[in-house]
Amino acid sequence: MSYTIVLNQSGALPQVYPFSVPIDGDVTIAFSGTCWSTAANSLGGVVVFLDDAQIGEAPLFFNAASQHMALPTQFFAVTLTPGPHTITLKPLTANTISDKNDFFSLWVVD
């Protein structure tokens, strides 16, 4: 079974997504998104947090500046308890930018 946390939500980082699922145990959180970099030849991407604890990163090397790029889809193994949780997305580097033209999706897969 899978649960959508957010689907194609646009906007600037950081992004915060509260969610609740009736799951107790090990699951996978799937992340997909886009962003851009203010600097060419630099590392950028998104850091993913679950309840304020970092669970992983979606890094990408940007050859060109100011070009929106798809980040590699990432899968993070976590343990959830029933009830409310929060996913937070933050920039990986100071050069990482997102705006209304960037989109993020997250799912819980059990």
PDB file of N, CA and C in Angstrom:
ATOM      1  N   MET A   1       0.846  -1.172   0.000  1.00  0.00           N
ATOM      2  CA  MET A   1       0.000   0.000   0.000  1.00  0.00           C
ATOM      3  C   MET A   1       0.891   1.234   0.000  1.00  0.00           C
ATOM      4  N   SER A   2       0.455   2.269  -0.674  1.00  0.00           N
ATOM      5  CA  SER A   2       1.209   3.520  -0.659  1.00  0.00           C
ATOM      6  C   SER A   2       0.286   4.671  -0.268  1.00  0.00           C
ATOM      7  N   TYR A   3       0.883   5.683   0.322  1.00  0.00           N
ATOM      8  CA  TYR A   3       0.171   6.871   0.763  1.00  0.00           C
ATOM      9  C   TYR A   3       0.882   8.083   0.187  1.00  0.00           C
ATOM     10  N   THR A   4       0.147   8.969  -0.444  1.00  0.00           N
ATOM     11  CA  THR A   4       0.733  10.191  -0.986  1.00  0.00           C
ATOM     12  C   THR A   4       0.821  11.231   0.119  1.00  0.00           C
ATOM     13  N   ILE A   5       2.029  11.743   0.339  1.00  0.00           N
ATOM     14  CA  ILE A   5       2.216  12.840   1.291  1.00  0.00           C
ATOM     15  C   ILE A   5       1.939  14.157   0.577  1.00  0.00           C
ATOM     16  N   VAL A   6       2.539  14.321  -0.593  1.00  0.00           N
ATOM     17  CA  VAL A   6       2.333  15.515  -1.410  1.00  0.00           C
ATOM     18  C   VAL A   6       2.600  15.128  -2.856  1.00  0.00           C
ATOM     19  N   LEU A   7       1.853  15.724  -3.790  1.00  0.00           N
ATOM     20  CA  LEU A   7       2.002  15.394  -5.200  1.00  0.00           C
ATOM     21  C   LEU A   7       2.143  16.682  -6.012  1.00  0.00           C
ATOM     22  N   ASN A   8       3.315  16.858  -6.614  1.00  0.00           N
ATOM     23  CA  ASN A   8       3.590  18.011  -7.484  1.00  0.00           C
ATOM     24  C   ASN A   8       3.313  19.352  -6.811  1.00  0.00           C
ATOM     25  N   GLN A   9       3.801  19.492  -5.585  1.00  0.00           N
ATOM     26  CA  GLN A   9       3.671  20.756  -4.854  1.00  0.00           C
ATOM     27  C   GLN A   9       4.812  21.676  -5.268  1.00  0.00           C
ATOM     28  N   SER A  10       4.486  22.881  -5.720  1.00  0.00           N
ATOM     29  CA  SER A  10       5.530  23.807  -6.160  1.00  0.00           C
ATOM     30  C   SER A  10       5.896  24.775  -5.046  1.00  0.00           C
ATOM     31  N   GLY A  11       7.066  25.405  -5.210  1.00  0.00           N
ATOM     32  CA  GLY A  11       7.438  26.451  -4.271  1.00  0.00           C
ATOM     33  C   GLY A  11       8.893  26.445  -3.880  1.00  0.00           C
ATOM     34  N   ALA A  12       9.229  27.471  -3.123  1.00  0.00           N
ATOM     35  CA  ALA A  12      10.600  27.682  -2.667  1.00  0.00           C
ATOM     36  C   ALA A  12      10.902  26.809  -1.452  1.00  0.00           C
ATOM     37  N   LEU A  13      12.150  26.376  -1.365  1.00  0.00           N
ATOM     38  CA  LEU A  13      12.623  25.657  -0.187  1.00  0.00           C
ATOM     39  C   LEU A  13      12.867  26.654   0.933  1.00  0.00           C
ATOM     40  N   PRO A  14      12.663  26.290   2.182  1.00  0.00           N
ATOM     41  CA  PRO A  14      12.244  24.971   2.647  1.00  0.00           C
ATOM     42  C   PRO A  14      10.743  24.750   2.446  1.00  0.00           C
ATOM     43  N   GLN A  15      10.374  23.482   2.361  1.00  0.00           N
ATOM     44  CA  GLN A  15       8.982  23.055   2.273  1.00  0.00           C
ATOM     45  C   GLN A  15       8.699  22.152   3.476  1.00  0.00           C
ATOM     46  N   VAL A  16       7.521  22.288   4.063  1.00  0.00           N
ATOM     47  CA  VAL A  16       7.130  21.483   5.226  1.00  0.00           C
ATOM     48  C   VAL A  16       5.789  20.822   4.919  1.00  0.00           C
ATOM     49  N   TYR A  17       5.736  19.498   5.093  1.00  0.00           N
ATOM     50  CA  TYR A  17       4.535  18.726   4.776  1.00  0.00           C
ATOM     51  C   TYR A  17       4.124  17.859   5.966  1.00  0.00           C
ATOM     52  N   PRO A  18       3.113  18.279   6.731  1.00  0.00           N
ATOM     53  CA  PRO A  18       2.590  17.409   7.781  1.00  0.00           C
ATOM     54  C   PRO A  18       1.752  16.289   7.159  1.00  0.00           C
ATOM     55  N   PHE A  19       1.813  15.106   7.759  1.00  0.00           N
ATOM     56  CA  PHE A  19       1.017  13.981   7.268  1.00  0.00           C
ATOM     57  C   PHE A  19       0.763  13.005   8.405  1.00  0.00           C
ATOM     58  N   SER A  20      -0.199  12.128   8.188  1.00  0.00           N
ATOM     59  CA  SER A  20      -0.513  11.089   9.160  1.00  0.00           C
ATOM     60  C   SER A  20      -0.862   9.818   8.399  1.00  0.00           C
ATOM     61  N   VAL A  21      -0.315   8.695   8.839  1.00  0.00           N
ATOM     62  CA  VAL A  21      -0.614   7.404   8.213  1.00  0.00           C
ATOM     63  C   VAL A  21      -0.859   6.362   9.298  1.00  0.00           C
ATOM     64  N   PRO A  22      -1.718   5.371   9.021  1.00  0.00           N
ATOM     65  CA  PRO A  22      -2.024   4.334  10.012  1.00  0.00           C
ATOM     66  C   PRO A  22      -1.026   3.178   9.938  1.00  0.00           C
ATOM     67  N   ILE A  23       0.246   3.495  10.071  1.00  0.00           N
ATOM     68  CA  ILE A  23       1.299   2.487   9.897  1.00  0.00           C
ATOM     69  C   ILE A  23       2.141   2.420  11.159  1.00  0.00           C
ATOM     70  N   ASP A  24       2.526   1.211  11.518  1.00  0.00           N
ATOM     71  CA  ASP A  24       3.436   1.000  12.640  1.00  0.00           C
ATOM     72  C   ASP A  24       4.512   0.032  12.176  1.00  0.00           C
ATOM     73  N   GLY A  25       5.686   0.566  11.837  1.00  0.00           N
ATOM     74  CA  GLY A  25       6.759  -0.315  11.398  1.00  0.00           C
ATOM     75  C   GLY A  25       7.615   0.282  10.302  1.00  0.00           C
ATOM     76  N   ASP A  26       8.346  -0.599   9.624  1.00  0.00           N
ATOM     77  CA  ASP A  26       9.294  -0.184   8.593  1.00  0.00           C
ATOM     78  C   ASP A  26       8.574   0.131   7.285  1.00  0.00           C
ATOM     79  N   VAL A  27       8.923   1.275   6.696  1.00  0.00           N
ATOM     80  CA  VAL A  27       8.346   1.716   5.426  1.00  0.00           C
ATOM     81  C   VAL A  27       9.446   2.375   4.594  1.00  0.00           C
ATOM     82  N   THR A  28       9.091   2.720   3.373  1.00  0.00           N
ATOM     83  CA  THR A  28       9.983   3.470   2.497  1.00  0.00           C
ATOM     84  C   THR A  28       9.333   4.806   2.180  1.00  0.00           C
ATOM     85  N   ILE A  29      10.122   5.873   2.293  1.00  0.00           N
ATOM     86  CA  ILE A  29       9.666   7.191   1.850  1.00  0.00           C
ATOM     87  C   ILE A  29      10.312   7.443   0.497  1.00  0.00           C
ATOM     88  N   ALA A  30       9.496   7.736  -0.508  1.00  0.00           N
ATOM     89  CA  ALA A  30       9.983   8.029  -1.855  1.00  0.00           C
ATOM     90  C   ALA A  30       9.905   9.534  -2.087  1.00  0.00           C
ATOM     91  N   PHE A  31      10.974  10.091  -2.692  1.00  0.00           N
ATOM     92  CA  PHE A  31      11.058  11.531  -2.962  1.00  0.00           C
ATOM     93  C   PHE A  31      11.375  11.767  -4.426  1.00  0.00           C
ATOM     94  N   SER A  32      10.709  12.767  -4.998  1.00  0.00           N
ATOM     95  CA  SER A  32      11.004  13.233  -6.347  1.00  0.00           C
ATOM     96  C   SER A  32      10.876  14.749  -6.344  1.00  0.00           C
ATOM     97  N   GLY A  33      11.771  15.435  -7.063  1.00  0.00           N
ATOM     98  CA  GLY A  33      11.675  16.889  -7.084  1.00  0.00           C
ATOM     99  C   GLY A  33      12.606  17.536  -8.083  1.00  0.00           C
ATOM    100  N   THR A  34      12.486  18.848  -8.176  1.00  0.00           N
ATOM    101  CA  THR A  34      13.334  19.646  -9.057  1.00  0.00           C
ATOM    102  C   THR A  34      13.864  20.850  -8.293  1.00  0.00           C
ATOM    103  N   CYS A  35      14.956  21.417  -8.789  1.00  0.00           N
ATOM    104  CA  CYS A  35      15.512  22.646  -8.240  1.00  0.00           C
ATOM    105  C   CYS A  35      16.529  23.194  -9.235  1.00  0.00           C
ATOM    106  N   TRP A  36      17.194  24.267  -8.879  1.00  0.00           N
ATOM    107  CA  TRP A  36      18.238  24.826  -9.727  1.00  0.00           C
ATOM    108  C   TRP A  36      19.341  25.403  -8.855  1.00  0.00           C
ATOM    109  N   SER A  37      20.453  25.752  -9.482  1.00  0.00           N
ATOM    110  CA  SER A  37      21.613  26.260  -8.758  1.00  0.00           C
ATOM    111  C   SER A  37      21.955  27.659  -9.242  1.00  0.00           C
ATOM    112  N   THR A  38      22.393  28.490  -8.326  1.00  0.00           N
ATOM    113  CA  THR A  38      22.833  29.836  -8.688  1.00  0.00           C
ATOM    114  C   THR A  38      24.228  29.836  -9.284  1.00  0.00           C
ATOM    115  N   ALA A  39      24.952  28.723  -9.161  1.00  0.00           N
ATOM    116  CA  ALA A  39      26.334  28.652  -9.640  1.00  0.00           C
ATOM    117  C   ALA A  39      26.528  27.450 -10.557  1.00  0.00           C
ATOM    118  N   ALA A  40      27.267  27.663 -11.643  1.00  0.00           N
ATOM    119  CA  ALA A  40      27.624  26.557 -12.533  1.00  0.00           C
ATOM    120  C   ALA A  40      28.690  25.692 -11.874  1.00  0.00           C
ATOM    121  N   ASN A  41      28.777  24.449 -12.323  1.00  0.00           N
ATOM    122  CA  ASN A  41      29.788  23.509 -11.826  1.00  0.00           C
ATOM    123  C   ASN A  41      29.765  23.391 -10.307  1.00  0.00           C
ATOM    124  N   SER A  42      28.572  23.158  -9.776  1.00  0.00           N
ATOM    125  CA  SER A  42      28.443  23.072  -8.321  1.00  0.00           C
ATOM    126  C   SER A  42      27.446  21.987  -7.927  1.00  0.00           C
ATOM    127  N   LEU A  43      27.585  21.531  -6.701  1.00  0.00           N
ATOM    128  CA  LEU A  43      26.679  20.540  -6.133  1.00  0.00           C
ATOM    129  C   LEU A  43      25.450  21.247  -5.578  1.00  0.00           C
ATOM    130  N   GLY A  44      24.296  20.644  -5.787  1.00  0.00           N
ATOM    131  CA  GLY A  44      23.056  21.162  -5.223  1.00  0.00           C
ATOM    132  C   GLY A  44      22.140  20.003  -4.897  1.00  0.00           C
ATOM    133  N   GLY A  45      20.927  20.317  -4.525  1.00  0.00           N
ATOM    134  CA  GLY A  45      19.962  19.271  -4.236  1.00  0.00           C
ATOM    135  C   GLY A  45      19.137  19.579  -3.007  1.00  0.00           C
ATOM    136  N   VAL A  46      18.501  18.530  -2.492  1.00  0.00           N
ATOM    137  CA  VAL A  46      17.558  18.665  -1.385  1.00  0.00           C
ATOM    138  C   VAL A  46      17.933  17.686  -0.273  1.00  0.00           C
ATOM    139  N   VAL A  47      17.790  18.136   0.965  1.00  0.00           N
ATOM    140  CA  VAL A  47      17.945  17.287   2.145  1.00  0.00           C
ATOM    141  C   VAL A  47      16.542  17.002   2.675  1.00  0.00           C
ATOM    142  N   VAL A  48      16.267  15.740   2.997  1.00  0.00           N
ATOM    143  CA  VAL A  48      14.937  15.317   3.447  1.00  0.00           C
ATOM    144  C   VAL A  48      14.996  14.977   4.938  1.00  0.00           C
ATOM    145  N   PHE A  49      14.071  15.560   5.696  1.00  0.00           N
ATOM    146  CA  PHE A  49      13.976  15.329   7.134  1.00  0.00           C
ATOM    147  C   PHE A  49      12.615  14.723   7.462  1.00  0.00           C
ATOM    148  N   LEU A  50      12.604  13.774   8.377  1.00  0.00           N
ATOM    149  CA  LEU A  50      11.378  13.214   8.933  1.00  0.00           C
ATOM    150  C   LEU A  50      11.359  13.549  10.411  1.00  0.00           C
ATOM    151  N   ASP A  51      10.367  14.312  10.828  1.00  0.00           N
ATOM    152  CA  ASP A  51      10.247  14.715  12.238  1.00  0.00           C
ATOM    153  C   ASP A  51      11.555  15.308  12.752  1.00  0.00           C
ATOM    154  N   ASP A  52      12.148  16.201  11.965  1.00  0.00           N
ATOM    155  CA  ASP A  52      13.373  16.951  12.287  1.00  0.00           C
ATOM    156  C   ASP A  52      14.650  16.117  12.293  1.00  0.00           C
ATOM    157  N   ALA A  53      14.598  14.858  11.885  1.00  0.00           N
ATOM    158  CA  ALA A  53      15.798  14.017  11.773  1.00  0.00           C
ATOM    159  C   ALA A  53      16.089  13.788  10.287  1.00  0.00           C
ATOM    160  N   GLN A  54      17.326  14.050   9.879  1.00  0.00           N
ATOM    161  CA  GLN A  54      17.683  13.864   8.472  1.00  0.00           C
ATOM    162  C   GLN A  54      17.616  12.387   8.102  1.00  0.00           C
ATOM    163  N   ILE A  55      16.884  12.086   7.011  1.00  0.00           N
ATOM    164  CA  ILE A  55      16.793  10.696   6.549  1.00  0.00           C
ATOM    165  C   ILE A  55      17.526  10.482   5.228  1.00  0.00           C
ATOM    166  N   GLY A  56      17.933  11.568   4.565  1.00  0.00           N
ATOM    167  CA  GLY A  56      18.681  11.395   3.326  1.00  0.00           C
ATOM    168  C   GLY A  56      18.775  12.661   2.503  1.00  0.00           C
ATOM    169  N   GLU A  57      19.433  12.507   1.343  1.00  0.00           N
ATOM    170  CA  GLU A  57      19.656  13.621   0.430  1.00  0.00           C
ATOM    171  C   GLU A  57      19.334  13.195  -0.994  1.00  0.00           C
ATOM    172  N   ALA A  58      19.009  14.181  -1.822  1.00  0.00           N
ATOM    173  CA  ALA A  58      18.855  13.988  -3.264  1.00  0.00           C
ATOM    174  C   ALA A  58      19.820  14.963  -3.933  1.00  0.00           C
ATOM    175  N   PRO A  59      21.095  14.565  -4.084  1.00  0.00           N
ATOM    176  CA  PRO A  59      22.100  15.473  -4.633  1.00  0.00           C
ATOM    177  C   PRO A  59      22.155  15.424  -6.158  1.00  0.00           C
ATOM    178  N   LEU A  60      22.636  16.513  -6.743  1.00  0.00           N
ATOM    179  CA  LEU A  60      22.841  16.582  -8.186  1.00  0.00           C
ATOM    180  C   LEU A  60      23.949  17.585  -8.459  1.00  0.00           C
ATOM    181  N   PHE A  61      24.824  17.266  -9.411  1.00  0.00           N
ATOM    182  CA  PHE A  61      25.853  18.210  -9.833  1.00  0.00           C
ATOM    183  C   PHE A  61      25.288  19.044 -10.975  1.00  0.00           C
ATOM    184  N   PHE A  62      25.312  20.354 -10.810  1.00  0.00           N
ATOM    185  CA  PHE A  62      24.772  21.275 -11.811  1.00  0.00           C
ATOM    186  C   PHE A  62      25.901  21.790 -12.694  1.00  0.00           C
ATOM    187  N   ASN A  63      25.894  21.415 -13.962  1.00  0.00           N
ATOM    188  CA  ASN A  63      26.881  21.924 -14.910  1.00  0.00           C
ATOM    189  C   ASN A  63      26.594  23.373 -15.276  1.00  0.00           C
ATOM    190  N   ALA A  64      25.312  23.735 -15.351  1.00  0.00           N
ATOM    191  CA  ALA A  64      24.911  25.088 -15.730  1.00  0.00           C
ATOM    192  C   ALA A  64      24.165  25.752 -14.574  1.00  0.00           C
ATOM    193  N   ALA A  65      24.302  27.065 -14.485  1.00  0.00           N
ATOM    194  CA  ALA A  65      23.568  27.832 -13.481  1.00  0.00           C
ATOM    195  C   ALA A  65      22.179  28.185 -14.007  1.00  0.00           C
ATOM    196  N   SER A  66      21.261  28.415 -13.086  1.00  0.00           N
ATOM    197  CA  SER A  66      19.916  28.924 -13.397  1.00  0.00           C
ATOM    198  C   SER A  66      19.135  28.052 -14.373  1.00  0.00           C
ATOM    199  N   GLN A  67      19.334  26.752 -14.282  1.00  0.00           N
ATOM    200  CA  GLN A  67      18.600  25.812 -15.130  1.00  0.00           C
ATOM    201  C   GLN A  67      17.906  24.794 -14.229  1.00  0.00           C
ATOM    202  N   HIS A  68      16.575  24.762 -14.281  1.00  0.00           N
ATOM    203  CA  HIS A  68      15.815  23.818 -13.462  1.00  0.00           C
ATOM    204  C   HIS A  68      16.141  22.391 -13.896  1.00  0.00           C
ATOM    205  N   MET A  69      16.459  21.537 -12.929  1.00  0.00           N
ATOM    206  CA  MET A  69      16.842  20.153 -13.214  1.00  0.00           C
ATOM    207  C   MET A  69      16.066  19.201 -12.304  1.00  0.00           C
ATOM    208  N   ALA A  70      15.760  18.032 -12.848  1.00  0.00           N
ATOM    209  CA  ALA A  70      15.123  16.980 -12.057  1.00  0.00           C
ATOM    210  C   ALA A  70      16.172  16.307 -11.184  1.00  0.00           C
ATOM    211  N   LEU A  71      15.865  16.175  -9.913  1.00  0.00           N
ATOM    212  CA  LEU A  71      16.749  15.454  -8.998  1.00  0.00           C
ATOM    213  C   LEU A  71      16.507  13.958  -9.160  1.00  0.00           C
ATOM    214  N   PRO A  72      17.525  13.142  -8.888  1.00  0.00           N
ATOM    215  CA  PRO A  72      17.295  11.700  -8.945  1.00  0.00           C
ATOM    216  C   PRO A  72      16.268  11.293  -7.883  1.00  0.00           C
ATOM    217  N   THR A  73      15.330  10.458  -8.265  1.00  0.00           N
ATOM    218  CA  THR A  73      14.355   9.945  -7.301  1.00  0.00           C
ATOM    219  C   THR A  73      15.097   9.161  -6.230  1.00  0.00           C
ATOM    220  N   GLN A  74      14.715   9.388  -4.992  1.00  0.00           N
ATOM    221  CA  GLN A  74      15.388   8.741  -3.864  1.00  0.00           C
ATOM    222  C   GLN A  74      14.373   7.960  -3.034  1.00  0.00           C
ATOM    223  N   PHE A  75      14.867   6.903  -2.392  1.00  0.00           N
ATOM    224  CA  PHE A  75      14.054   6.061  -1.512  1.00  0.00           C
ATOM    225  C   PHE A  75      14.767   5.945  -0.174  1.00  0.00           C
ATOM    226  N   PHE A  76      14.045   6.224   0.910  1.00  0.00           N
ATOM    227  CA  PHE A  76      14.634   6.233   2.244  1.00  0.00           C
ATOM    228  C   PHE A  76      13.889   5.243   3.141  1.00  0.00           C
ATOM    229  N   ALA A  77      14.615   4.325   3.761  1.00  0.00           N
ATOM    230  CA  ALA A  77      14.024   3.364   4.698  1.00  0.00           C
ATOM    231  C   ALA A  77      13.900   4.027   6.067  1.00  0.00           C
ATOM    232  N   VAL A  78      12.680   4.006   6.618  1.00  0.00           N
ATOM    233  CA  VAL A  78      12.422   4.607   7.926  1.00  0.00           C
ATOM    234  C   VAL A  78      11.462   3.718   8.710  1.00  0.00           C
ATOM    235  N   THR A  79      11.348   3.997   9.993  1.00  0.00           N
ATOM    236  CA  THR A  79      10.359   3.339  10.840  1.00  0.00           C
ATOM    237  C   THR A  79       9.358   4.392  11.291  1.00  0.00           C
ATOM    238  N   LEU A  80       8.078   4.131  11.045  1.00  0.00           N
ATOM    239  CA  LEU A  80       7.017   5.059  11.437  1.00  0.00           C
ATOM    240  C   LEU A  80       6.161   4.453  12.539  1.00  0.00           C
ATOM    241  N   THR A  81       5.561   5.331  13.305  1.00  0.00           N
ATOM    242  CA  THR A  81       4.534   4.952  14.266  1.00  0.00           C
ATOM    243  C   THR A  81       3.232   5.607  13.811  1.00  0.00           C
ATOM    244  N   PRO A  82       2.089   5.071  14.207  1.00  0.00           N
ATOM    245  CA  PRO A  82       0.828   5.716  13.826  1.00  0.00           C
ATOM    246  C   PRO A  82       0.763   7.134  14.388  1.00  0.00           C
ATOM    247  N   GLY A  83       0.110   8.021  13.646  1.00  0.00           N
ATOM    248  CA  GLY A  83      -0.051   9.383  14.126  1.00  0.00           C
ATOM    249  C   GLY A  83       0.603  10.412  13.239  1.00  0.00           C
ATOM    250  N   PRO A  84       0.657  11.656  13.731  1.00  0.00           N
ATOM    251  CA  PRO A  84       1.162  12.759  12.914  1.00  0.00           C
ATOM    252  C   PRO A  84       2.688  12.750  12.780  1.00  0.00           C
ATOM    253  N   HIS A  85       3.135  13.119  11.595  1.00  0.00           N
ATOM    254  CA  HIS A  85       4.561  13.246  11.280  1.00  0.00           C
ATOM    255  C   HIS A  85       4.740  14.460  10.374  1.00  0.00           C
ATOM    256  N   THR A  86       5.997  14.863  10.178  1.00  0.00           N
ATOM    257  CA  THR A  86       6.298  15.990   9.304  1.00  0.00           C
ATOM    258  C   THR A  86       7.516  15.677   8.457  1.00  0.00           C
ATOM    259  N   ILE A  87       7.394  15.906   7.148  1.00  0.00           N
ATOM    260  CA  ILE A  87       8.536  15.856   6.237  1.00  0.00           C
ATOM    261  C   ILE A  87       8.935  17.295   5.948  1.00  0.00           C
ATOM    262  N   THR A  88      10.220  17.587   6.053  1.00  0.00           N
ATOM    263  CA  THR A  88      10.751  18.902   5.720  1.00  0.00           C
ATOM    264  C   THR A  88      11.811  18.743   4.645  1.00  0.00           C
ATOM    265  N   LEU A  89      11.739  19.582   3.624  1.00  0.00           N
ATOM    266  CA  LEU A  89      12.736  19.613   2.558  1.00  0.00           C
ATOM    267  C   LEU A  89      13.523  20.906   2.681  1.00  0.00           C
ATOM    268  N   LYS A  90      14.859  20.785   2.690  1.00  0.00           N
ATOM    269  CA  LYS A  90      15.732  21.953   2.794  1.00  0.00           C
ATOM    270  C   LYS A  90      16.785  21.894   1.694  1.00  0.00           C
ATOM    271  N   PRO A  91      17.350  23.052   1.319  1.00  0.00           N
ATOM    272  CA  PRO A  91      18.406  23.043   0.307  1.00  0.00           C
ATOM    273  C   PRO A  91      19.647  22.320   0.810  1.00  0.00           C
ATOM    274  N   LEU A  92      20.283  21.562  -0.082  1.00  0.00           N
ATOM    275  CA  LEU A  92      21.514  20.843   0.262  1.00  0.00           C
ATOM    276  C   LEU A  92      22.691  21.797   0.404  1.00  0.00           C
ATOM    277  N   THR A  93      22.729  22.839  -0.434  1.00  0.00           N
ATOM    278  CA  THR A  93      23.821  23.815  -0.413  1.00  0.00           C
ATOM    279  C   THR A  93      23.241  25.222  -0.479  1.00  0.00           C
ATOM    280  N   ALA A  94      24.092  26.212  -0.239  1.00  0.00           N
ATOM    281  CA  ALA A  94      23.664  27.610  -0.333  1.00  0.00           C
ATOM    282  C   ALA A  94      23.300  27.994  -1.761  1.00  0.00           C
ATOM    283  N   ASN A  95      23.810  27.268  -2.752  1.00  0.00           N
ATOM    284  CA  ASN A  95      23.511  27.548  -4.160  1.00  0.00           C
ATOM    285  C   ASN A  95      22.182  26.957  -4.616  1.00  0.00           C
ATOM    286  N   THR A  96      21.597  26.055  -3.836  1.00  0.00           N
ATOM    287  CA  THR A  96      20.361  25.378  -4.237  1.00  0.00           C
ATOM    288  C   THR A  96      19.160  26.299  -4.071  1.00  0.00           C
ATOM    289  N   ILE A  97      18.391  26.439  -5.157  1.00  0.00           N
ATOM    290  CA  ILE A  97      17.210  27.303  -5.158  1.00  0.00           C
ATOM    291  C   ILE A  97      16.030  26.526  -5.744  1.00  0.00           C
ATOM    292  N   SER A  98      14.843  26.798  -5.235  1.00  0.00           N
ATOM    293  CA  SER A  98      13.616  26.337  -5.887  1.00  0.00           C
ATOM    294  C   SER A  98      12.627  27.490  -5.864  1.00  0.00           C
ATOM    295  N   ASP A  99      11.696  27.467  -6.814  1.00  0.00           N
ATOM    296  CA  ASP A  99      10.696  28.526  -6.906  1.00  0.00           C
ATOM    297  C   ASP A  99       9.382  27.927  -7.403  1.00  0.00           C
ATOM    298  N   LYS A 100       8.466  28.775  -7.856  1.00  0.00           N
ATOM    299  CA  LYS A 100       7.152  28.293  -8.292  1.00  0.00           C
ATOM    300  C   LYS A 100       7.227  27.358  -9.491  1.00  0.00           C
ATOM    301  N   ASN A 101       8.371  27.296 -10.148  1.00  0.00           N
ATOM    302  CA  ASN A 101       8.563  26.419 -11.303  1.00  0.00           C
ATOM    303  C   ASN A 101       9.188  25.076 -10.935  1.00  0.00           C
ATOM    304  N   ASP A 102       9.362  24.831  -9.643  1.00  0.00           N
ATOM    305  CA  ASP A 102       9.912  23.560  -9.161  1.00  0.00           C
ATOM    306  C   ASP A 102       8.832  22.814  -8.389  1.00  0.00           C
ATOM    307  N   PHE A 103       8.872  21.487  -8.500  1.00  0.00           N
ATOM    308  CA  PHE A 103       7.802  20.660  -7.941  1.00  0.00           C
ATOM    309  C   PHE A 103       8.378  19.517  -7.120  1.00  0.00           C
ATOM    310  N   PHE A 104       7.641  19.137  -6.060  1.00  0.00           N
ATOM    311  CA  PHE A 104       8.074  18.075  -5.161  1.00  0.00           C
ATOM    312  C   PHE A 104       6.939  17.083  -4.938  1.00  0.00           C
ATOM    313  N   SER A 105       7.297  15.801  -4.875  1.00  0.00           N
ATOM    314  CA  SER A 105       6.344  14.739  -4.558  1.00  0.00           C
ATOM    315  C   SER A 105       6.977  13.798  -3.539  1.00  0.00           C
ATOM    316  N   LEU A 106       6.152  13.302  -2.623  1.00  0.00           N
ATOM    317  CA  LEU A 106       6.600  12.368  -1.588  1.00  0.00           C
ATOM    318  C   LEU A 106       5.518  11.326  -1.349  1.00  0.00           C
ATOM    319  N   TRP A 107       5.962  10.080  -1.138  1.00  0.00           N
ATOM    320  CA  TRP A 107       5.048   8.977  -0.858  1.00  0.00           C
ATOM    321  C   TRP A 107       5.597   8.129   0.274  1.00  0.00           C
ATOM    322  N   VAL A 108       4.691   7.498   1.025  1.00  0.00           N
ATOM    323  CA  VAL A 108       5.042   6.453   1.980  1.00  0.00           C
ATOM    324  C   VAL A 108       4.620   5.138   1.344  1.00  0.00           C
ATOM    325  N   VAL A 109       5.560   4.199   1.254  1.00  0.00           N
ATOM    326  CA  VAL A 109       5.278   2.881   0.683  1.00  0.00           C
ATOM    327  C   VAL A 109       5.541   1.853   1.768  1.00  0.00           C
ATOM    328  N   ASP A 110       4.507   1.063   2.101  1.00  0.00           N
ATOM    329  CA  ASP A 110       4.752   0.038   3.133  1.00  0.00           C
ATOM    330  C   ASP A 110       4.718  -1.351   2.542  1.00  0.00           C
TER     331      ASP A 110
END
